[in-house]
Amino acid sequence: MPLSAFARRAVPAWLFFAAAGAGASGLAVLVQDANGKPLPDAVVYAEPEGQPLPKVQHPGEIAQKGLKFTPLVSVVQTGSKISFPNNDRVRHHIYSFSPAHKFDQKLYSGEAAAPQLFDKAGTVVLGCNIHDKMLAYVKVVDTPYFAKTDGAGAARIELPAGKYVLKAWHFNTVGGQTPEQALQVKAGDAPGTALFKLAMKPPAVDGDNPTDKPY
């Protein structure tokens, strides 16, 4: 079913789709706000039920340029490391008070900051103790099956056959909601699509700050 058509109807409780190649298939996911507007920088991830979790961590990078973190949102599997190169001419003091990963990287420039290990699932909000408007978000998930939506609110996840719980997360949702859908990958059926609609908080008054301080 085309994604545009799928977005106009309710999402079924179970989605069945083909397992191609070595038992894997692509799931197209669309994430929108309550009014149907596409949501970029949303994280979608599928947690397997009754299956072992492969450990396929890939190192991440959150650069600092123009007094901003880039990218704004990152997603990694638990056990992954993220480096924080400073490409600005000024020094930064990055930190997080988030329970999933608390750290305090003192003033540095260039590549001086050691990579941080993200070994606990959860949401990590990053800030700079020198430049208050700098914010970034790291979503740490136990599963290796994840993706981040593009400017059209679309993402694709490759999944082997099995049962999953599919979840969607965005840093600016009301109450930090993470809606979920039951999902099954079944060989022989058509590729599947999924739609999430998230209730969002009002835009921040200061356009440079997408949400709250990193407490």
N, C-alpha and C. Protein backbone atom coordinates (compact mmCIF):
# COMPACT_ATOMS: atom_id res chain seq x y z
N MET A 1 0.84 -1.20 0.00
CA MET A 1 0.00 0.00 0.00
C MET A 1 0.87 1.24 0.00
N PRO A 2 0.65 2.22 -0.88
CA PRO A 2 1.47 3.43 -0.88
C PRO A 2 1.37 4.15 0.44
N LEU A 3 2.46 4.76 0.85
CA LEU A 3 2.49 5.45 2.14
C LEU A 3 1.50 6.58 2.19
N SER A 4 1.31 7.34 1.09
CA SER A 4 0.38 8.45 1.10
C SER A 4 -1.04 7.98 1.35
N ALA A 5 -1.42 6.84 0.76
CA ALA A 5 -2.75 6.29 1.00
C ALA A 5 -2.87 5.76 2.41
N PHE A 6 -1.82 5.12 2.86
CA PHE A 6 -1.82 4.55 4.21
C PHE A 6 -2.01 5.63 5.27
N ALA A 7 -1.43 6.81 5.03
CA ALA A 7 -1.51 7.89 6.02
C ALA A 7 -2.93 8.40 6.21
N ARG A 8 -3.84 8.07 5.28
CA ARG A 8 -5.20 8.58 5.39
C ARG A 8 -6.13 7.62 6.10
N ARG A 9 -5.61 6.51 6.58
CA ARG A 9 -6.47 5.55 7.27
C ARG A 9 -5.83 5.14 8.58
N ALA A 10 -6.60 4.50 9.45
CA ALA A 10 -6.10 4.11 10.76
C ALA A 10 -5.05 3.02 10.62
N VAL A 11 -4.10 2.98 11.55
CA VAL A 11 -3.06 1.97 11.55
C VAL A 11 -3.61 0.70 12.19
N PRO A 12 -3.49 -0.47 11.53
CA PRO A 12 -4.00 -1.70 12.13
C PRO A 12 -3.16 -2.12 13.32
N ALA A 13 -3.75 -2.97 14.16
CA ALA A 13 -3.03 -3.42 15.36
C ALA A 13 -1.81 -4.23 14.99
N TRP A 14 -1.90 -5.02 13.91
CA TRP A 14 -0.76 -5.84 13.47
C TRP A 14 -0.45 -5.53 12.01
N LEU A 15 0.81 -5.39 11.69
CA LEU A 15 1.26 -5.15 10.33
C LEU A 15 2.04 -6.37 9.87
N PHE A 16 1.68 -6.90 8.70
CA PHE A 16 2.40 -8.04 8.15
C PHE A 16 3.05 -7.62 6.85
N PHE A 17 4.32 -7.97 6.66
CA PHE A 17 4.98 -7.60 5.42
C PHE A 17 6.08 -8.59 5.07
N ALA A 18 6.56 -8.48 3.85
CA ALA A 18 7.45 -9.50 3.29
C ALA A 18 8.81 -9.50 3.94
N ALA A 19 9.41 -10.67 4.01
CA ALA A 19 10.80 -10.81 4.43
C ALA A 19 11.60 -11.12 3.18
N ALA A 20 12.39 -10.17 2.75
CA ALA A 20 13.13 -10.32 1.49
C ALA A 20 14.57 -10.73 1.77
N GLY A 21 15.24 -11.26 0.75
CA GLY A 21 16.64 -11.64 0.90
C GLY A 21 16.79 -12.66 1.99
N ALA A 22 17.66 -12.36 2.98
CA ALA A 22 17.93 -13.28 4.08
C ALA A 22 16.93 -13.08 5.20
N GLY A 23 15.62 -13.08 4.88
CA GLY A 23 14.58 -12.96 5.89
C GLY A 23 14.42 -11.57 6.43
N ALA A 24 14.81 -10.53 5.68
CA ALA A 24 14.68 -9.17 6.15
C ALA A 24 13.79 -8.38 5.20
N SER A 25 13.15 -7.32 5.72
CA SER A 25 12.29 -6.50 4.90
C SER A 25 12.33 -5.06 5.39
N GLY A 26 11.97 -4.14 4.51
CA GLY A 26 11.96 -2.73 4.88
C GLY A 26 10.58 -2.29 5.33
N LEU A 27 10.52 -1.55 6.42
CA LEU A 27 9.28 -0.97 6.92
C LEU A 27 9.36 0.54 6.74
N ALA A 28 8.42 1.11 6.00
CA ALA A 28 8.35 2.56 5.82
C ALA A 28 7.47 3.15 6.91
N VAL A 29 8.01 4.14 7.63
CA VAL A 29 7.28 4.75 8.75
C VAL A 29 7.13 6.24 8.49
N LEU A 30 5.92 6.76 8.71
CA LEU A 30 5.64 8.17 8.58
C LEU A 30 5.25 8.71 9.95
N VAL A 31 5.87 9.82 10.37
CA VAL A 31 5.57 10.43 11.66
C VAL A 31 5.07 11.85 11.41
N GLN A 32 3.91 12.17 11.99
CA GLN A 32 3.29 13.47 11.82
C GLN A 32 2.88 14.04 13.17
N ASP A 33 2.60 15.36 13.20
CA ASP A 33 2.01 15.93 14.41
C ASP A 33 0.51 15.70 14.37
N ALA A 34 -0.21 16.20 15.36
CA ALA A 34 -1.64 15.93 15.47
C ALA A 34 -2.44 16.50 14.30
N ASN A 35 -1.87 17.50 13.61
CA ASN A 35 -2.55 18.11 12.48
C ASN A 35 -2.13 17.54 11.13
N GLY A 36 -1.31 16.50 11.15
CA GLY A 36 -0.88 15.87 9.92
C GLY A 36 0.35 16.48 9.29
N LYS A 37 1.05 17.36 10.01
CA LYS A 37 2.26 17.97 9.49
C LYS A 37 3.44 17.02 9.72
N PRO A 38 4.29 16.80 8.72
CA PRO A 38 5.44 15.89 8.89
C PRO A 38 6.35 16.33 10.02
N LEU A 39 6.90 15.36 10.75
CA LEU A 39 7.81 15.63 11.86
C LEU A 39 9.21 15.10 11.53
N PRO A 40 10.12 15.98 11.17
CA PRO A 40 11.52 15.55 11.02
C PRO A 40 12.15 15.32 12.39
N ASP A 41 13.27 14.62 12.42
CA ASP A 41 14.04 14.36 13.64
C ASP A 41 13.26 13.56 14.68
N ALA A 42 12.28 12.77 14.24
CA ALA A 42 11.64 11.80 15.12
C ALA A 42 12.41 10.48 15.03
N VAL A 43 12.49 9.77 16.13
CA VAL A 43 13.17 8.47 16.15
C VAL A 43 12.13 7.36 16.16
N VAL A 44 12.26 6.40 15.26
CA VAL A 44 11.40 5.23 15.25
C VAL A 44 12.29 4.00 15.46
N TYR A 45 11.82 3.08 16.28
CA TYR A 45 12.63 1.90 16.57
C TYR A 45 11.74 0.71 16.89
N ALA A 46 12.22 -0.48 16.51
CA ALA A 46 11.46 -1.72 16.67
C ALA A 46 12.18 -2.62 17.68
N GLU A 47 11.47 -2.97 18.75
CA GLU A 47 12.03 -3.84 19.78
C GLU A 47 11.53 -5.27 19.56
N PRO A 48 12.42 -6.23 19.32
CA PRO A 48 12.00 -7.61 19.06
C PRO A 48 11.39 -8.27 20.30
N GLU A 49 10.44 -9.15 20.06
CA GLU A 49 9.84 -9.94 21.14
C GLU A 49 10.30 -11.38 21.01
N GLY A 50 10.96 -11.89 22.06
CA GLY A 50 11.40 -13.28 22.06
C GLY A 50 12.54 -13.57 21.12
N GLN A 51 13.31 -12.55 20.76
CA GLN A 51 14.46 -12.73 19.89
C GLN A 51 15.68 -12.09 20.54
N PRO A 52 16.86 -12.66 20.31
CA PRO A 52 18.07 -12.03 20.84
C PRO A 52 18.33 -10.71 20.13
N LEU A 53 18.93 -9.77 20.85
CA LEU A 53 19.24 -8.46 20.29
C LEU A 53 20.66 -8.45 19.74
N PRO A 54 20.82 -8.31 18.44
CA PRO A 54 22.18 -8.20 17.89
C PRO A 54 22.86 -6.94 18.41
N LYS A 55 24.14 -7.03 18.69
CA LYS A 55 24.92 -5.86 19.11
C LYS A 55 25.72 -5.38 17.90
N VAL A 56 25.20 -4.35 17.27
CA VAL A 56 25.86 -3.82 16.07
C VAL A 56 26.09 -2.32 16.24
N GLN A 57 26.66 -1.96 17.37
CA GLN A 57 26.87 -0.55 17.66
C GLN A 57 27.74 0.12 16.61
N HIS A 58 27.35 1.32 16.26
CA HIS A 58 28.14 2.14 15.36
C HIS A 58 28.46 3.44 16.09
N PRO A 59 29.71 3.87 16.07
CA PRO A 59 30.04 5.12 16.75
C PRO A 59 29.31 6.30 16.12
N GLY A 60 28.92 7.25 16.95
CA GLY A 60 28.24 8.44 16.47
C GLY A 60 29.12 9.67 16.63
N GLU A 61 28.65 10.77 16.07
CA GLU A 61 29.38 12.02 16.19
C GLU A 61 28.39 13.18 16.28
N ILE A 62 28.60 14.05 17.26
CA ILE A 62 27.82 15.28 17.39
C ILE A 62 28.82 16.43 17.39
N ALA A 63 28.86 17.14 16.28
CA ALA A 63 29.82 18.22 16.12
C ALA A 63 29.27 19.53 16.68
N GLN A 64 30.16 20.46 16.92
CA GLN A 64 29.78 21.80 17.36
C GLN A 64 30.30 22.80 16.35
N LYS A 65 29.37 23.51 15.73
CA LYS A 65 29.72 24.45 14.67
C LYS A 65 28.71 25.59 14.67
N GLY A 66 29.19 26.82 14.65
CA GLY A 66 28.29 27.96 14.66
C GLY A 66 27.50 28.06 15.95
N LEU A 67 28.11 27.62 17.06
CA LEU A 67 27.47 27.60 18.38
C LEU A 67 26.20 26.76 18.38
N LYS A 68 26.23 25.66 17.63
CA LYS A 68 25.13 24.70 17.61
C LYS A 68 25.69 23.29 17.62
N PHE A 69 24.89 22.36 18.18
CA PHE A 69 25.20 20.94 18.04
C PHE A 69 24.64 20.44 16.71
N THR A 70 25.40 19.62 16.01
CA THR A 70 24.95 19.03 14.76
C THR A 70 25.31 17.55 14.73
N PRO A 71 24.31 16.66 14.61
CA PRO A 71 22.89 16.94 14.41
C PRO A 71 22.18 17.29 15.71
N LEU A 72 20.98 17.83 15.56
CA LEU A 72 20.16 18.14 16.73
C LEU A 72 19.75 16.86 17.46
N VAL A 73 19.41 15.81 16.71
CA VAL A 73 18.96 14.54 17.28
C VAL A 73 19.83 13.41 16.75
N SER A 74 20.30 12.56 17.66
CA SER A 74 21.05 11.35 17.31
C SER A 74 20.37 10.15 17.94
N VAL A 75 20.53 8.98 17.33
CA VAL A 75 20.04 7.75 17.92
C VAL A 75 21.13 6.70 17.79
N VAL A 76 21.40 5.99 18.91
CA VAL A 76 22.42 4.95 18.93
C VAL A 76 21.91 3.76 19.75
N GLN A 77 22.50 2.60 19.51
CA GLN A 77 22.21 1.43 20.33
C GLN A 77 23.03 1.49 21.61
N THR A 78 22.50 0.96 22.69
CA THR A 78 23.23 0.93 23.95
C THR A 78 24.59 0.27 23.76
N GLY A 79 25.59 0.87 24.40
CA GLY A 79 26.95 0.39 24.25
C GLY A 79 27.75 1.13 23.20
N SER A 80 27.11 2.08 22.52
CA SER A 80 27.79 2.84 21.47
C SER A 80 28.48 4.07 22.06
N LYS A 81 29.51 4.53 21.35
CA LYS A 81 30.22 5.75 21.74
C LYS A 81 29.90 6.88 20.78
N ILE A 82 29.89 8.10 21.30
CA ILE A 82 29.69 9.29 20.49
C ILE A 82 30.84 10.26 20.76
N SER A 83 31.43 10.78 19.70
CA SER A 83 32.48 11.79 19.84
C SER A 83 31.88 13.18 19.63
N PHE A 84 32.57 14.19 20.16
CA PHE A 84 32.05 15.55 20.16
C PHE A 84 33.11 16.54 19.66
N PRO A 85 33.45 16.49 18.38
CA PRO A 85 34.45 17.43 17.88
C PRO A 85 33.95 18.88 17.91
N ASN A 86 34.82 19.77 18.33
CA ASN A 86 34.49 21.20 18.39
C ASN A 86 35.09 21.88 17.16
N ASN A 87 34.23 22.29 16.23
CA ASN A 87 34.67 22.97 15.02
C ASN A 87 34.54 24.49 15.11
N ASP A 88 34.21 24.98 16.29
CA ASP A 88 34.14 26.42 16.51
C ASP A 88 35.51 26.96 16.91
N ARG A 89 35.65 28.28 16.82
CA ARG A 89 36.89 28.92 17.26
C ARG A 89 36.88 29.20 18.75
N VAL A 90 35.75 28.97 19.39
CA VAL A 90 35.64 29.16 20.83
C VAL A 90 35.55 27.80 21.50
N ARG A 91 35.86 27.74 22.78
CA ARG A 91 35.78 26.48 23.51
C ARG A 91 34.36 26.23 24.00
N HIS A 92 34.06 24.96 24.21
CA HIS A 92 32.75 24.57 24.72
C HIS A 92 32.92 23.71 25.97
N HIS A 93 31.89 23.73 26.79
CA HIS A 93 31.84 22.92 28.01
C HIS A 93 30.52 22.15 27.96
N ILE A 94 30.55 20.94 27.38
CA ILE A 94 29.31 20.19 27.17
C ILE A 94 29.01 19.31 28.39
N TYR A 95 27.73 19.07 28.60
CA TYR A 95 27.31 18.31 29.79
C TYR A 95 25.92 17.74 29.59
N SER A 96 25.54 16.83 30.45
CA SER A 96 24.18 16.32 30.52
C SER A 96 23.87 15.94 31.96
N PHE A 97 22.66 16.29 32.41
CA PHE A 97 22.16 15.88 33.72
C PHE A 97 21.17 14.71 33.58
N SER A 98 20.98 14.19 32.38
CA SER A 98 19.99 13.14 32.14
C SER A 98 20.37 11.85 32.84
N PRO A 99 19.42 11.17 33.50
CA PRO A 99 19.73 9.92 34.20
C PRO A 99 20.33 8.84 33.29
N ALA A 100 19.97 8.84 32.02
CA ALA A 100 20.50 7.80 31.12
C ALA A 100 22.00 7.96 30.87
N HIS A 101 22.52 9.18 31.03
CA HIS A 101 23.97 9.37 30.88
C HIS A 101 24.34 10.76 31.36
N LYS A 102 24.88 10.82 32.57
CA LYS A 102 25.34 12.09 33.13
C LYS A 102 26.84 12.23 32.86
N PHE A 103 27.23 13.39 32.35
CA PHE A 103 28.65 13.64 32.16
C PHE A 103 28.91 15.14 32.13
N ASP A 104 30.18 15.48 32.27
CA ASP A 104 30.59 16.88 32.32
C ASP A 104 31.94 16.99 31.63
N GLN A 105 31.95 17.49 30.41
CA GLN A 105 33.18 17.62 29.63
C GLN A 105 33.65 19.07 29.70
N LYS A 106 34.72 19.29 30.44
CA LYS A 106 35.19 20.65 30.68
C LYS A 106 35.59 21.35 29.38
N LEU A 107 35.89 22.64 29.50
CA LEU A 107 36.23 23.48 28.36
C LEU A 107 37.27 22.81 27.45
N TYR A 108 36.98 22.77 26.17
CA TYR A 108 37.92 22.16 25.22
C TYR A 108 37.67 22.74 23.84
N SER A 109 38.60 22.48 22.95
CA SER A 109 38.45 22.85 21.55
C SER A 109 39.00 21.72 20.70
N GLY A 110 38.67 21.74 19.40
CA GLY A 110 39.15 20.70 18.50
C GLY A 110 38.64 19.31 18.87
N GLU A 111 39.53 18.32 18.86
CA GLU A 111 39.17 16.93 19.13
C GLU A 111 39.50 16.52 20.56
N ALA A 112 39.69 17.49 21.45
CA ALA A 112 40.21 17.19 22.79
C ALA A 112 39.25 16.37 23.65
N ALA A 113 37.95 16.44 23.39
CA ALA A 113 36.98 15.73 24.23
C ALA A 113 37.00 14.23 23.91
N ALA A 114 37.10 13.40 24.95
CA ALA A 114 37.07 11.96 24.75
C ALA A 114 35.65 11.52 24.38
N PRO A 115 35.51 10.49 23.53
CA PRO A 115 34.17 9.98 23.21
C PRO A 115 33.45 9.52 24.48
N GLN A 116 32.13 9.70 24.50
CA GLN A 116 31.31 9.27 25.62
C GLN A 116 30.65 7.94 25.29
N LEU A 117 30.62 7.02 26.27
CA LEU A 117 29.97 5.73 26.11
C LEU A 117 28.54 5.83 26.62
N PHE A 118 27.58 5.50 25.75
CA PHE A 118 26.16 5.54 26.11
C PHE A 118 25.69 4.11 26.34
N ASP A 119 25.71 3.68 27.60
CA ASP A 119 25.47 2.27 27.92
C ASP A 119 24.14 2.03 28.63
N LYS A 120 23.23 3.01 28.62
CA LYS A 120 21.93 2.86 29.26
C LYS A 120 20.86 3.45 28.36
N ALA A 121 19.79 2.68 28.13
CA ALA A 121 18.72 3.16 27.26
C ALA A 121 18.00 4.36 27.90
N GLY A 122 17.59 5.29 27.07
CA GLY A 122 16.87 6.46 27.57
C GLY A 122 17.14 7.66 26.68
N THR A 123 16.70 8.83 27.16
CA THR A 123 16.89 10.07 26.43
C THR A 123 17.92 10.93 27.13
N VAL A 124 18.91 11.38 26.39
CA VAL A 124 19.98 12.20 26.94
C VAL A 124 19.91 13.59 26.29
N VAL A 125 19.76 14.61 27.13
CA VAL A 125 19.71 15.99 26.64
C VAL A 125 21.06 16.64 26.91
N LEU A 126 21.64 17.21 25.87
CA LEU A 126 22.96 17.81 25.97
C LEU A 126 22.86 19.34 25.99
N GLY A 127 23.77 19.97 26.73
CA GLY A 127 23.86 21.42 26.76
C GLY A 127 25.30 21.86 26.82
N CYS A 128 25.51 23.16 26.70
CA CYS A 128 26.83 23.76 26.85
C CYS A 128 26.77 24.76 27.99
N ASN A 129 27.68 24.63 28.93
CA ASN A 129 27.67 25.47 30.12
C ASN A 129 28.09 26.91 29.80
N ILE A 130 28.63 27.13 28.62
CA ILE A 130 29.06 28.46 28.21
C ILE A 130 28.03 29.13 27.30
N HIS A 131 27.40 28.33 26.44
CA HIS A 131 26.45 28.85 25.46
C HIS A 131 25.08 28.20 25.71
N ASP A 132 24.22 28.92 26.42
CA ASP A 132 22.97 28.34 26.91
C ASP A 132 22.01 27.89 25.81
N LYS A 133 22.12 28.46 24.62
CA LYS A 133 21.17 28.12 23.56
C LYS A 133 21.54 26.82 22.85
N MET A 134 22.69 26.26 23.16
CA MET A 134 23.09 25.01 22.51
C MET A 134 22.40 23.82 23.17
N LEU A 135 21.64 23.07 22.38
CA LEU A 135 20.95 21.87 22.86
C LEU A 135 21.03 20.77 21.81
N ALA A 136 21.08 19.54 22.27
CA ALA A 136 21.01 18.39 21.39
C ALA A 136 20.41 17.23 22.17
N TYR A 137 19.98 16.22 21.44
CA TYR A 137 19.28 15.09 22.05
C TYR A 137 19.85 13.78 21.52
N VAL A 138 20.07 12.84 22.42
CA VAL A 138 20.52 11.50 22.04
C VAL A 138 19.48 10.51 22.55
N LYS A 139 18.90 9.75 21.65
CA LYS A 139 17.99 8.68 22.02
C LYS A 139 18.77 7.37 21.99
N VAL A 140 18.92 6.76 23.17
CA VAL A 140 19.68 5.51 23.29
C VAL A 140 18.68 4.36 23.40
N VAL A 141 18.75 3.41 22.49
CA VAL A 141 17.80 2.30 22.45
C VAL A 141 18.54 0.97 22.51
N ASP A 142 17.90 -0.03 23.06
CA ASP A 142 18.53 -1.35 23.18
C ASP A 142 18.60 -2.08 21.84
N THR A 143 17.68 -1.76 20.95
CA THR A 143 17.59 -2.47 19.67
C THR A 143 18.47 -1.84 18.60
N PRO A 144 18.97 -2.66 17.65
CA PRO A 144 19.71 -2.09 16.52
C PRO A 144 18.81 -1.67 15.37
N TYR A 145 17.48 -1.91 15.52
CA TYR A 145 16.54 -1.61 14.44
C TYR A 145 15.91 -0.24 14.67
N PHE A 146 16.54 0.79 14.13
CA PHE A 146 16.04 2.14 14.36
C PHE A 146 16.35 3.02 13.17
N ALA A 147 15.68 4.18 13.13
CA ALA A 147 15.92 5.17 12.08
C ALA A 147 15.42 6.53 12.58
N LYS A 148 15.84 7.58 11.88
CA LYS A 148 15.41 8.94 12.19
C LYS A 148 14.69 9.51 10.98
N THR A 149 13.57 10.20 11.20
CA THR A 149 12.79 10.71 10.08
C THR A 149 13.49 11.88 9.40
N ASP A 150 13.24 11.99 8.09
CA ASP A 150 13.79 13.08 7.30
C ASP A 150 12.85 14.28 7.31
N GLY A 151 13.08 15.24 6.42
CA GLY A 151 12.27 16.45 6.39
C GLY A 151 10.81 16.20 6.06
N ALA A 152 10.51 15.06 5.43
CA ALA A 152 9.13 14.70 5.10
C ALA A 152 8.50 13.85 6.19
N GLY A 153 9.20 13.65 7.32
CA GLY A 153 8.68 12.83 8.41
C GLY A 153 8.73 11.35 8.12
N ALA A 154 9.54 10.94 7.15
CA ALA A 154 9.60 9.54 6.73
C ALA A 154 10.90 8.88 7.16
N ALA A 155 10.81 7.59 7.45
CA ALA A 155 11.99 6.79 7.81
C ALA A 155 11.76 5.36 7.35
N ARG A 156 12.84 4.60 7.27
CA ARG A 156 12.76 3.19 6.85
C ARG A 156 13.64 2.36 7.76
N ILE A 157 13.11 1.22 8.19
CA ILE A 157 13.84 0.29 9.05
C ILE A 157 13.88 -1.07 8.36
N GLU A 158 15.05 -1.68 8.33
CA GLU A 158 15.19 -3.05 7.81
C GLU A 158 15.06 -4.03 8.98
N LEU A 159 14.17 -5.02 8.83
CA LEU A 159 13.87 -5.94 9.92
C LEU A 159 13.89 -7.39 9.46
N PRO A 160 14.48 -8.29 10.25
CA PRO A 160 14.32 -9.72 9.98
C PRO A 160 12.95 -10.19 10.44
N ALA A 161 12.55 -11.38 10.01
CA ALA A 161 11.24 -11.93 10.37
C ALA A 161 11.11 -12.05 11.88
N GLY A 162 9.91 -11.79 12.38
CA GLY A 162 9.65 -11.90 13.81
C GLY A 162 8.61 -10.91 14.28
N LYS A 163 8.37 -10.93 15.59
CA LYS A 163 7.42 -10.00 16.20
C LYS A 163 8.17 -8.86 16.88
N TYR A 164 7.58 -7.67 16.81
CA TYR A 164 8.23 -6.46 17.34
C TYR A 164 7.19 -5.54 17.98
N VAL A 165 7.71 -4.63 18.80
CA VAL A 165 6.94 -3.48 19.23
C VAL A 165 7.60 -2.27 18.59
N LEU A 166 6.86 -1.58 17.74
CA LEU A 166 7.37 -0.42 17.02
C LEU A 166 7.03 0.85 17.80
N LYS A 167 8.03 1.70 18.04
CA LYS A 167 7.83 2.90 18.84
C LYS A 167 8.30 4.13 18.09
N ALA A 168 7.72 5.28 18.47
CA ALA A 168 8.12 6.56 17.89
C ALA A 168 8.36 7.56 19.02
N TRP A 169 9.41 8.36 18.86
CA TRP A 169 9.79 9.34 19.90
C TRP A 169 10.21 10.64 19.23
N HIS A 170 9.81 11.75 19.83
CA HIS A 170 10.27 13.08 19.39
C HIS A 170 10.54 13.90 20.65
N PHE A 171 11.57 14.73 20.60
CA PHE A 171 11.99 15.47 21.80
C PHE A 171 10.96 16.50 22.27
N ASN A 172 9.99 16.86 21.41
CA ASN A 172 9.07 17.94 21.76
C ASN A 172 7.64 17.47 21.95
N THR A 173 7.43 16.18 22.23
CA THR A 173 6.07 15.69 22.43
C THR A 173 5.53 16.09 23.79
N VAL A 174 4.21 16.21 23.87
CA VAL A 174 3.55 16.50 25.14
C VAL A 174 3.75 15.33 26.09
N GLY A 175 4.29 15.60 27.28
CA GLY A 175 4.48 14.56 28.28
C GLY A 175 5.51 13.52 27.92
N GLY A 176 6.32 13.78 26.90
CA GLY A 176 7.34 12.80 26.53
C GLY A 176 6.78 11.48 26.04
N GLN A 177 5.59 11.50 25.46
CA GLN A 177 4.93 10.26 25.03
C GLN A 177 5.75 9.51 23.99
N THR A 178 5.70 8.18 24.08
CA THR A 178 6.34 7.31 23.10
C THR A 178 5.31 6.26 22.68
N PRO A 179 4.44 6.59 21.72
CA PRO A 179 3.41 5.63 21.30
C PRO A 179 4.03 4.40 20.66
N GLU A 180 3.29 3.32 20.67
CA GLU A 180 3.81 2.07 20.12
C GLU A 180 2.74 1.30 19.38
N GLN A 181 3.19 0.41 18.51
CA GLN A 181 2.30 -0.46 17.74
C GLN A 181 2.90 -1.85 17.71
N ALA A 182 2.05 -2.86 17.78
CA ALA A 182 2.50 -4.23 17.60
C ALA A 182 2.79 -4.47 16.12
N LEU A 183 3.80 -5.26 15.85
CA LEU A 183 4.27 -5.43 14.47
C LEU A 183 4.78 -6.85 14.28
N GLN A 184 4.47 -7.43 13.13
CA GLN A 184 5.02 -8.75 12.80
C GLN A 184 5.57 -8.74 11.39
N VAL A 185 6.78 -9.21 11.24
CA VAL A 185 7.41 -9.39 9.93
C VAL A 185 7.15 -10.83 9.51
N LYS A 186 6.49 -11.01 8.38
CA LYS A 186 6.12 -12.33 7.92
C LYS A 186 6.51 -12.50 6.45
N ALA A 187 7.22 -13.55 6.15
CA ALA A 187 7.65 -13.79 4.77
C ALA A 187 6.46 -14.01 3.86
N GLY A 188 6.53 -13.45 2.66
CA GLY A 188 5.52 -13.72 1.65
C GLY A 188 4.46 -12.66 1.50
N ASP A 189 4.37 -11.71 2.39
CA ASP A 189 3.39 -10.64 2.28
C ASP A 189 4.03 -9.37 1.73
N ALA A 190 3.23 -8.38 1.43
CA ALA A 190 3.73 -7.14 0.84
C ALA A 190 4.47 -6.31 1.89
N PRO A 191 5.44 -5.50 1.44
CA PRO A 191 6.12 -4.59 2.38
C PRO A 191 5.12 -3.71 3.11
N GLY A 192 5.43 -3.36 4.35
CA GLY A 192 4.48 -2.66 5.20
C GLY A 192 4.81 -1.20 5.42
N THR A 193 3.82 -0.48 5.92
CA THR A 193 3.96 0.92 6.27
C THR A 193 3.33 1.14 7.63
N ALA A 194 3.77 2.16 8.33
CA ALA A 194 3.20 2.49 9.63
C ALA A 194 3.11 4.00 9.76
N LEU A 195 2.11 4.45 10.49
CA LEU A 195 1.88 5.88 10.68
C LEU A 195 1.77 6.17 12.17
N PHE A 196 2.49 7.21 12.62
CA PHE A 196 2.36 7.72 13.98
C PHE A 196 1.96 9.18 13.92
N LYS A 197 1.04 9.60 14.82
CA LYS A 197 0.71 11.00 14.99
C LYS A 197 0.98 11.38 16.44
N LEU A 198 1.82 12.39 16.63
CA LEU A 198 2.28 12.77 17.96
C LEU A 198 1.75 14.15 18.34
N ALA A 199 1.31 14.29 19.58
CA ALA A 199 0.89 15.59 20.10
C ALA A 199 2.13 16.36 20.52
N MET A 200 2.29 17.57 19.98
CA MET A 200 3.50 18.35 20.21
C MET A 200 3.24 19.53 21.13
N LYS A 201 4.27 19.92 21.88
CA LYS A 201 4.22 21.13 22.69
C LYS A 201 4.28 22.34 21.77
N PRO A 202 3.77 23.50 22.23
CA PRO A 202 3.85 24.71 21.41
C PRO A 202 5.30 25.07 21.13
N PRO A 203 5.56 25.71 19.98
CA PRO A 203 6.94 26.13 19.67
C PRO A 203 7.48 27.06 20.73
N ALA A 204 8.79 26.96 20.99
CA ALA A 204 9.42 27.84 21.96
C ALA A 204 9.38 29.28 21.46
N VAL A 205 9.29 30.24 22.39
CA VAL A 205 9.27 31.66 22.03
C VAL A 205 10.58 32.04 21.36
N ASP A 206 11.69 31.55 21.93
CA ASP A 206 13.01 31.77 21.33
C ASP A 206 13.24 30.68 20.32
N GLY A 207 13.29 31.04 19.02
CA GLY A 207 13.40 30.04 17.97
C GLY A 207 14.66 29.21 18.03
N ASP A 208 15.69 29.66 18.78
CA ASP A 208 16.93 28.90 18.85
C ASP A 208 16.82 27.72 19.80
N ASN A 209 15.84 27.76 20.71
CA ASN A 209 15.70 26.72 21.71
C ASN A 209 14.48 25.87 21.41
N PRO A 210 14.65 24.63 20.91
CA PRO A 210 13.51 23.81 20.56
C PRO A 210 12.72 23.29 21.73
N THR A 211 13.29 23.22 22.92
CA THR A 211 12.54 22.72 24.07
C THR A 211 13.25 23.14 25.35
N ASP A 212 12.99 22.41 26.42
CA ASP A 212 13.46 22.82 27.74
C ASP A 212 14.97 22.69 27.90
N LYS A 213 15.46 23.27 29.00
CA LYS A 213 16.87 23.12 29.35
C LYS A 213 17.20 21.66 29.68
N PRO A 214 18.46 21.26 29.56
CA PRO A 214 18.84 19.86 29.77
C PRO A 214 18.97 19.48 31.24
N TYR A 215 17.84 19.42 31.92
CA TYR A 215 17.84 19.00 33.32
C TYR A 215 17.32 17.59 33.42
